[in-house]
Protein backbone atom coordinates (compact mmCIF):
# COMPACT_ATOMS: atom_id res chain seq x y z
CA MET A 1 -10.76 -76.75 39.48
CA ALA A 2 -13.84 -74.52 39.42
CA TRP A 3 -13.82 -74.08 35.65
CA VAL A 4 -13.44 -77.83 35.15
CA ARG A 5 -16.38 -78.55 37.46
CA HIS A 6 -18.46 -75.96 35.60
CA ASN A 7 -17.75 -77.55 32.25
CA ILE A 8 -18.39 -81.07 33.40
CA LEU A 9 -21.67 -80.06 34.90
CA ALA A 10 -22.83 -78.45 31.72
CA VAL A 11 -22.31 -81.67 29.93
CA ALA A 12 -23.56 -83.75 32.74
CA LEU A 13 -26.40 -81.55 33.60
CA GLY A 14 -27.20 -80.60 30.26
CA GLY A 15 -24.40 -80.23 27.93
CA LEU A 16 -23.36 -83.49 26.54
CA PRO A 17 -21.16 -82.48 23.78
CA LEU A 18 -22.84 -84.48 21.72
CA LEU A 19 -19.85 -83.32 22.03
CA ALA A 20 -18.62 -79.93 22.09
CA ALA A 21 -15.36 -78.27 22.82
CA GLY A 22 -12.92 -79.32 25.47
CA GLY A 23 -12.27 -77.42 28.63
CA CYS A 24 -15.90 -76.86 29.37
CA SER A 25 -16.07 -80.47 28.62
CA LYS A 26 -18.84 -82.46 27.36
CA LEU A 27 -20.63 -82.30 30.62
CA CYS A 28 -21.12 -78.60 30.13
CA SER A 29 -20.34 -78.30 26.47
CA LEU A 30 -23.17 -80.44 25.53
CA GLY A 31 -25.20 -77.58 25.87
CA SER A 32 -26.32 -74.71 27.84
CA ALA A 33 -29.22 -73.96 25.58
CA PRO A 34 -32.73 -73.79 26.93
CA SER A 35 -35.24 -76.58 26.54
CA GLY A 36 -38.98 -76.87 26.14
CA ASP A 37 -40.63 -73.92 24.53
CA THR A 38 -37.63 -71.60 24.93
CA PRO A 39 -35.93 -70.56 21.65
CA VAL A 40 -32.63 -72.25 20.88
CA ALA A 41 -29.58 -70.11 21.55
CA LYS A 42 -26.91 -69.38 18.96
CA ALA A 43 -23.80 -71.50 18.93
CA SER A 44 -20.54 -69.91 19.92
CA LYS A 45 -18.23 -68.56 17.23
CA PRO A 46 -16.18 -71.47 15.84
CA GLU A 47 -12.61 -71.74 14.73
CA SER A 48 -12.06 -71.61 10.95
CA ARG A 49 -12.38 -75.16 9.59
CA ASN A 50 -13.47 -76.94 6.47
CA GLY A 51 -16.73 -78.79 6.78
CA ARG A 52 -20.45 -79.00 6.33
CA PRO A 53 -23.01 -76.18 6.39
CA MET A 54 -23.48 -74.49 9.74
CA PRO A 55 -26.62 -75.78 11.45
CA PHE A 56 -27.11 -72.73 13.66
CA PRO A 57 -27.15 -68.97 12.90
CA MET A 58 -23.75 -67.51 12.11
CA GLU A 59 -22.28 -64.24 13.24
CA SER A 60 -21.72 -61.54 10.65
CA GLY A 61 -18.76 -62.23 8.37
CA GLN A 62 -18.64 -65.98 8.96
CA ASP A 63 -18.92 -68.47 6.13
CA PRO A 64 -21.38 -71.25 7.06
CA GLU A 65 -19.71 -73.65 4.67
CA GLU A 66 -16.30 -73.25 6.27
CA ASN A 67 -17.08 -72.75 9.94
CA PRO A 68 -19.41 -75.38 11.43
CA ALA A 69 -19.76 -74.80 15.16
CA PRO A 70 -20.05 -77.64 17.66
CA GLN A 71 -23.63 -78.40 18.67
CA THR A 72 -24.47 -79.36 22.21
CA VAL A 73 -27.26 -81.02 24.16
CA ASN A 74 -26.85 -81.30 27.90
CA VAL A 75 -28.22 -83.77 30.40
CA PHE A 76 -31.17 -81.49 30.95
CA GLY A 77 -32.07 -81.79 27.27
CA GLU A 78 -31.09 -78.20 26.49
CA VAL A 79 -29.95 -77.80 22.89
CA ASN A 80 -27.34 -75.20 21.90
CA GLY A 81 -26.33 -73.56 18.94
CA ALA A 82 -2.99 -88.45 24.71
CA GLY A 83 -1.93 -91.76 24.03
CA PRO A 84 -3.11 -95.00 25.76
CA GLN A 85 -2.27 -95.35 29.43
CA ALA A 86 -2.79 -98.11 31.94
CA VAL A 87 -5.91 -98.04 34.11
CA ALA A 88 -5.33 -96.08 37.31
CA LEU A 89 -6.65 -97.62 40.53
CA THR A 90 -7.16 -95.24 43.43
CA GLY A 91 -8.49 -95.57 46.96
CA ASP A 92 -10.28 -98.17 49.03
CA ALA A 93 -13.48 -97.76 47.03
CA ALA A 94 -11.66 -99.10 43.95
CA PHE A 95 -12.23 -96.13 41.66
CA GLN A 96 -10.48 -96.77 38.36
CA GLN A 97 -9.60 -94.26 35.66
CA HIS A 98 -9.92 -95.73 32.17
CA THR A 99 -9.28 -92.83 29.78
CA PHE A 100 -6.69 -90.07 29.87
CA THR A 101 -6.60 -86.83 27.94
CA ASP A 102 -4.78 -83.53 28.35
CA GLU A 103 -7.05 -81.68 25.93
CA GLY A 104 -10.82 -81.71 25.51
CA TYR A 105 -12.93 -84.19 27.40
CA ASP A 106 -14.25 -87.75 27.28
CA GLY A 107 -17.91 -88.60 27.83
CA ASP A 108 -20.91 -90.78 26.90
CA VAL A 109 -19.33 -94.03 27.93
CA CYS A 110 -20.81 -97.44 27.11
CA ALA A 111 -19.33 -100.93 27.57
CA ASP A 112 -19.80 -103.85 25.20
CA PRO A 113 -21.67 -107.04 26.29
CA THR A 114 -18.43 -108.55 27.63
CA GLY A 115 -17.46 -105.47 29.65
CA LYS A 116 -14.01 -105.53 28.02
CA LEU A 117 -14.48 -102.80 25.39
CA LEU A 118 -15.53 -99.21 25.93
CA VAL A 119 -16.98 -96.82 23.39
CA PHE A 120 -17.21 -93.12 24.21
CA SER A 121 -17.26 -89.63 22.74
CA SER A 122 -14.32 -87.26 23.01
CA THR A 123 -12.97 -83.90 21.90
CA ARG A 124 -9.35 -84.92 22.52
CA ASN A 125 -8.42 -84.38 18.86
CA SER A 126 -10.94 -81.76 17.72
CA GLU A 127 -13.42 -79.20 18.99
CA HIS A 128 -16.04 -81.49 17.42
CA ALA A 129 -16.67 -84.66 19.40
CA GLY A 130 -15.85 -88.00 17.81
CA ILE A 131 -16.58 -91.63 18.71
CA TYR A 132 -13.69 -93.70 20.11
CA MET A 133 -13.26 -97.30 21.22
CA GLN A 134 -10.69 -98.80 23.57
CA HIS A 135 -10.14 -101.74 25.87
CA ALA A 136 -11.34 -101.21 29.43
CA ASP A 137 -7.73 -101.56 30.59
CA GLY A 138 -6.89 -98.33 28.74
CA THR A 139 -5.10 -99.85 25.73
CA ALA A 140 -5.77 -99.91 21.97
CA VAL A 141 -7.64 -96.62 21.49
CA THR A 142 -9.34 -96.45 18.06
CA GLN A 143 -11.14 -93.45 16.55
CA LEU A 144 -14.31 -94.65 14.81
CA THR A 145 -15.55 -91.32 13.38
CA SER A 146 -13.43 -88.63 11.78
CA ASP A 147 -15.87 -86.30 10.04
CA ASN A 148 -16.23 -82.56 10.65
CA ALA A 149 -19.42 -83.02 12.66
CA ASP A 150 -20.29 -83.68 16.29
CA ASN A 151 -20.84 -87.34 17.25
CA ALA A 152 -22.10 -88.51 20.61
CA TYR A 153 -24.05 -91.02 22.74
CA PRO A 154 -22.60 -94.25 21.32
CA THR A 155 -24.12 -97.51 22.52
CA PHE A 156 -23.41 -101.15 21.69
CA SER A 157 -26.03 -103.53 20.32
CA PRO A 158 -26.78 -106.56 22.54
CA ASP A 159 -24.50 -108.77 20.40
CA GLY A 160 -21.73 -106.15 20.31
CA LYS A 161 -21.62 -106.10 16.49
CA GLN A 162 -23.14 -102.65 15.99
CA ILE A 163 -22.94 -99.23 17.59
CA ALA A 164 -25.79 -96.74 17.53
CA PHE A 165 -24.89 -93.08 18.00
CA CYS A 166 -26.08 -89.61 17.11
CA SER A 167 -24.40 -87.08 14.84
CA THR A 168 -24.83 -83.63 13.30
CA ARG A 169 -23.38 -84.73 9.94
CA ALA A 170 -26.80 -84.15 8.29
CA GLY A 171 -27.09 -80.64 9.76
CA ASN A 172 -28.83 -81.41 13.07
CA TRP A 173 -28.76 -84.24 15.58
CA GLN A 174 -29.90 -87.54 14.06
CA VAL A 175 -29.53 -91.20 15.04
CA TYR A 176 -27.20 -93.54 13.10
CA VAL A 177 -26.04 -97.15 13.31
CA MET A 178 -22.61 -98.44 12.25
CA ASP A 179 -20.64 -101.66 12.55
CA SER A 180 -18.44 -101.86 15.63
CA ASP A 181 -15.40 -101.14 13.46
CA GLY A 182 -16.91 -97.83 12.28
CA ARG A 183 -17.99 -99.06 8.83
CA ASN A 184 -21.38 -99.30 7.10
CA VAL A 185 -22.99 -96.23 8.66
CA THR A 186 -26.78 -96.13 8.26
CA GLN A 187 -29.00 -93.16 9.11
CA VAL A 188 -32.02 -94.13 11.24
CA THR A 189 -33.80 -90.79 11.76
CA SER A 190 -34.17 -87.72 9.59
CA GLY A 191 -36.03 -84.43 9.49
CA PRO A 192 -35.87 -81.11 11.34
CA ALA A 193 -36.24 -82.53 14.88
CA GLN A 194 -33.16 -83.07 17.06
CA CYS A 195 -32.83 -86.82 17.81
CA ILE A 196 -30.34 -88.09 20.40
CA HIS A 197 -29.41 -90.86 22.84
CA PRO A 198 -30.28 -94.16 21.10
CA THR A 199 -30.68 -97.39 23.07
CA PHE A 200 -31.14 -100.92 21.69
CA SER A 201 -33.95 -103.30 22.60
CA PRO A 202 -32.72 -106.60 24.16
CA ASP A 203 -33.11 -108.43 20.82
CA GLY A 204 -31.39 -105.62 18.89
CA THR A 205 -34.24 -105.12 16.41
CA ARG A 206 -35.50 -101.77 17.74
CA LEU A 207 -34.00 -98.49 18.87
CA ALA A 208 -35.47 -96.06 21.38
CA TYR A 209 -34.33 -92.45 21.34
CA CYS A 210 -35.52 -89.00 22.36
CA SER A 211 -36.56 -86.28 19.93
CA LEU A 212 -37.21 -82.61 20.57
CA GLY A 213 -40.73 -82.25 19.23
CA GLY A 214 -41.41 -79.32 16.91
CA ARG A 215 -45.05 -79.07 17.94
CA SER A 216 -44.86 -80.05 21.59
CA GLY A 217 -41.62 -78.20 22.33
CA GLN A 218 -40.78 -81.10 24.67
CA TRP A 219 -38.44 -84.08 24.54
CA GLU A 220 -40.41 -87.05 23.24
CA LEU A 221 -39.59 -90.76 23.49
CA TRP A 222 -39.69 -92.66 20.19
CA VAL A 223 -39.11 -96.26 19.11
CA ALA A 224 -37.82 -97.16 15.63
CA ASP A 225 -38.09 -100.68 14.19
CA GLN A 226 -34.86 -101.37 12.28
CA LYS A 227 -36.50 -104.00 10.07
CA THR A 228 -39.64 -102.16 9.01
CA GLY A 229 -38.52 -98.57 9.50
CA GLU A 230 -41.69 -97.83 11.50
CA LYS A 231 -41.32 -95.10 14.13
CA ARG A 232 -43.75 -94.55 16.99
CA MET A 233 -43.90 -92.04 19.83
CA ILE A 234 -44.38 -93.68 23.25
CA GLY A 235 -44.40 -90.70 25.62
CA TYR A 236 -42.43 -87.73 26.90
CA GLY A 237 -38.99 -87.95 28.47
CA LEU A 238 -35.23 -87.76 27.97
CA PHE A 239 -32.24 -90.14 27.83
CA PRO A 240 -34.03 -93.51 27.46
CA ALA A 241 -32.37 -96.77 28.52
CA TRP A 242 -33.92 -100.10 27.45
CA SER A 243 -34.03 -102.80 30.12
CA PRO A 244 -32.05 -105.97 29.25
CA ASP A 245 -34.73 -108.04 31.03
CA ARG A 246 -36.59 -109.84 28.22
CA SER A 247 -39.50 -110.77 30.50
CA VAL A 248 -40.65 -107.14 30.22
CA ASP A 249 -40.46 -104.55 27.46
CA ARG A 250 -39.41 -101.64 29.66
CA ILE A 251 -37.57 -98.37 29.16
CA ALA A 252 -36.18 -96.13 31.90
CA PHE A 253 -35.85 -92.38 31.34
CA GLN A 254 -35.73 -89.03 33.09
CA ARG A 255 -38.65 -86.60 33.08
CA ALA A 256 -38.93 -83.05 34.41
CA ARG A 257 -41.44 -82.56 37.20
CA GLN A 258 -42.78 -79.56 35.37
CA ARG A 259 -42.17 -78.25 31.89
CA GLY A 260 -38.98 -76.23 31.50
CA SER A 261 -37.65 -77.33 34.89
CA ARG A 262 -34.27 -78.93 35.61
CA TRP A 263 -35.77 -80.94 38.46
CA PHE A 264 -35.84 -84.38 36.86
CA SER A 265 -37.02 -87.65 38.37
CA LEU A 266 -36.56 -91.27 37.26
CA TRP A 267 -39.37 -93.03 35.39
CA THR A 268 -40.04 -96.29 33.57
CA VAL A 269 -42.58 -97.10 30.86
CA ASP A 270 -43.67 -100.49 29.52
CA LEU A 271 -44.27 -101.17 25.84
CA ILE A 272 -47.48 -103.12 25.26
CA ASN A 273 -48.39 -103.79 21.62
CA GLY A 274 -45.97 -101.03 20.68
CA GLU A 275 -47.68 -98.43 22.88
CA GLY A 276 -46.24 -96.80 26.00
CA ARG A 277 -48.16 -98.00 29.07
CA ARG A 278 -47.85 -98.04 32.86
CA ALA A 279 -45.56 -95.00 33.19
CA THR A 280 -44.16 -95.20 36.73
CA GLU A 281 -42.07 -92.74 38.72
CA VAL A 282 -39.35 -94.86 40.31
CA ALA A 283 -37.28 -92.24 42.15
CA GLN A 284 -37.38 -88.56 42.95
CA SER A 285 -35.54 -86.19 45.27
CA GLY A 286 -36.60 -83.06 47.08
CA ASN A 287 -33.26 -81.33 46.57
CA ALA A 288 -31.63 -82.84 43.48
CA ALA A 289 -32.19 -83.66 39.82
CA ILE A 290 -32.02 -87.36 38.89
CA LEU A 291 -30.35 -87.89 35.51
CA SER A 292 -29.19 -90.44 32.94
CA PRO A 293 -30.57 -93.80 34.13
CA THR A 294 -28.85 -97.05 33.16
CA TRP A 295 -29.83 -100.68 33.91
CA ASN A 296 -27.73 -103.35 35.56
CA PRO A 297 -27.14 -106.56 33.50
CA ASP A 298 -30.26 -108.40 34.75
CA GLY A 299 -32.60 -105.40 34.64
CA LYS A 300 -33.36 -105.49 38.36
CA ARG A 301 -31.52 -102.32 39.39
CA LEU A 302 -30.75 -98.89 37.96
CA ALA A 303 -27.86 -96.48 38.31
CA PHE A 304 -28.26 -92.74 37.82
CA ALA A 305 -26.59 -89.41 38.54
CA THR A 306 -27.85 -86.70 40.88
CA VAL A 307 -27.14 -82.99 40.82
CA VAL A 308 -27.95 -81.25 44.09
CA GLN A 309 -29.77 -77.94 43.59
CA PRO A 310 -29.46 -77.80 39.78
CA GLY A 311 -28.99 -74.27 38.48
CA LYS A 312 -31.02 -72.55 35.81
CA GLY A 313 -29.97 -70.40 32.89
CA ALA A 314 -27.49 -70.51 30.04
CA ALA A 315 -24.54 -70.74 32.43
CA VAL A 316 -24.75 -73.96 34.45
CA LYS A 317 -23.69 -73.29 38.02
CA LEU A 318 -22.81 -76.12 40.36
CA LYS A 319 -24.53 -75.42 43.69
CA GLY A 320 -24.21 -78.88 45.18
CA GLN A 321 -22.34 -82.11 44.67
CA THR A 322 -23.01 -84.57 41.88
CA ASP A 323 -22.87 -88.29 42.51
CA ILE A 324 -23.69 -91.71 41.09
CA TRP A 325 -26.37 -93.81 42.82
CA THR A 326 -28.06 -97.18 42.41
CA ILE A 327 -31.63 -98.18 43.21
CA ASP A 328 -33.84 -101.25 42.84
CA ALA A 329 -36.30 -101.13 39.94
CA ASP A 330 -39.18 -100.83 42.44
CA GLY A 331 -37.70 -97.65 43.94
CA THR A 332 -36.21 -99.19 47.10
CA ASN A 333 -32.65 -99.71 48.35
CA ARG A 334 -31.04 -96.48 47.15
CA GLN A 335 -27.25 -96.45 47.53
CA ARG A 336 -24.54 -93.91 46.74
CA LEU A 337 -21.49 -95.17 44.81
CA THR A 338 -19.27 -92.11 44.55
CA ASP A 339 -17.65 -90.18 47.34
CA GLY A 340 -18.63 -86.57 46.66
CA HIS A 341 -15.31 -85.69 45.02
CA GLY A 342 -15.53 -83.94 41.67
CA VAL A 343 -18.41 -83.98 39.22
CA ASN A 344 -19.68 -87.51 38.54
CA LEU A 345 -22.17 -87.97 35.71
CA MET A 346 -23.47 -90.14 32.83
CA PRO A 347 -23.21 -93.64 34.36
CA PHE A 348 -23.24 -96.95 32.47
CA TRP A 349 -23.63 -100.31 34.26
CA SER A 350 -21.44 -102.94 32.60
CA ALA A 351 -21.70 -106.72 32.41
CA ASP A 352 -19.00 -107.17 35.08
CA ASN A 353 -21.07 -105.09 37.52
CA ARG A 354 -18.84 -102.05 37.44
CA VAL A 355 -20.49 -98.70 36.88
CA PHE A 356 -18.58 -96.51 34.42
CA PHE A 357 -19.10 -92.76 34.59
CA VAL A 358 -17.62 -89.43 33.53
CA SER A 359 -15.76 -87.44 36.18
CA ASP A 360 -13.28 -84.60 36.57
CA ARG A 361 -11.89 -86.01 39.82
CA GLY A 362 -8.54 -86.40 38.08
CA GLY A 363 -8.51 -82.81 36.77
CA THR A 364 -10.03 -83.35 33.31
CA GLU A 365 -13.26 -85.06 32.30
CA CYS A 366 -12.39 -88.70 31.68
CA ILE A 367 -13.97 -92.14 32.05
CA TRP A 368 -13.86 -93.73 35.49
CA SER A 369 -15.54 -96.75 37.08
CA VAL A 370 -16.42 -98.01 40.55
CA ARG A 371 -17.45 -101.35 42.02
CA THR A 372 -21.09 -101.83 42.95
CA GLU A 373 -20.67 -104.06 46.01
CA PRO A 374 -22.77 -102.85 48.96
CA ALA A 375 -19.68 -102.65 51.18
CA HIS A 376 -18.50 -99.64 49.21
CA THR A 377 -21.79 -97.74 49.13
CA VAL A 378 -23.64 -95.33 51.40
CA THR A 379 -27.35 -95.99 51.87
CA VAL A 380 -29.67 -93.01 52.27
CA GLU A 381 -33.21 -93.57 53.43
CA ALA A 382 -36.12 -91.18 53.20
CA PRO A 383 -36.69 -89.13 56.39
CA PRO A 384 -39.66 -90.23 58.55
CA LYS A 385 -42.94 -88.52 57.71
CA LYS A 386 -46.45 -88.55 59.08
CA GLU A 387 -47.53 -90.41 55.96
CA PRO A 388 -45.48 -93.07 54.16
CA ALA A 389 -43.34 -91.56 51.38
CA PRO A 390 -43.66 -92.94 47.83
CA ALA A 391 -41.10 -95.58 46.88
CA GLY A 392 -37.80 -94.09 45.83
CA THR A 393 -38.44 -90.67 47.41
CA ALA A 394 -35.47 -89.31 49.37
CA ASP A 395 -33.39 -86.19 49.56
CA VAL A 396 -29.82 -86.49 48.34
CA ARG A 397 -27.58 -85.70 51.25
CA GLU A 398 -24.21 -84.11 50.75
CA VAL A 399 -22.14 -86.64 52.69
CA PRO A 400 -18.52 -85.77 53.56
CA SER A 401 -16.03 -88.21 52.12
CA PRO A 402 -14.60 -90.67 54.66
């Protein structure tokens, strides 16, 4: 199980395969490359395949036109060069397994506005990740992309008619939009910068995403207007998630406490006249990285993943457990949803108030979900201090499973 946990973490912690090869799964495969001002590492030697030009340096003797290697970006923002089955219900906490694969991994899950359809990335049929759709009950799996590129981070529009995603089909990671049946693909971003993790505004007219800035060397938050084509930078951060609450124009994201660090905390920023304002740190931990925020249906709470004692370096090493948590938007009422078993990462809060996430608790990285009722959660409060702790500040305790 150790190798599975290592792979999942790489994707979860920083290697979303944006989808890379199986085994090390998307959690790790997404990338073990450094971030910030550290040079990008070379991609691993690929299998011989027909495809597009290789986006990263090739080893001697390889043909860049025949051997594109998978590209990866992990949850830390580090860039690097099975048929349908019924949903499995396990345990008192009502964990459900929604996808099943014997090869590769599944990741980047998102549910449609009804909570009945799932879209996700997977390497089940190729070393290059593709976008798939299926019913939440595990039936009717459909492959939406079939090109020789990596495709990842799919997300539904608020009306469920479109899917935004990112792909390397143009040579590096860029943001695209397609109809929910996989047709009418439109490229949203272009240029040399890596652009990943799109998220729709509540009215569906704008997309937020993160881009690895060529000048800053940091992950930047950008907003693109789909009608006018205007793009504007609103701050620094990674993995944005737009709040569904239309009374505010708010985006949640993760930000490193210091440049080049894997110690991320949870932030929100408000858009006022198109500019990023009132950046607020919602949650932090003294012993864990907080990753991949996602809003609940009314925009009042957030779910996120934590990685206790995140490692550093090209090889992601799991030092502590990884779990899924929820918290109020003001930083209070933090609760743990998962039970400490396996690697649990990349949550998505669906309309039926289940939180979907990627986990290797079944042996391979697949899509699971858990109920969000308080009866099935563990609340962790900040330890008493001489001075009151900021809202949302608490260490992540490694709690034995019941």
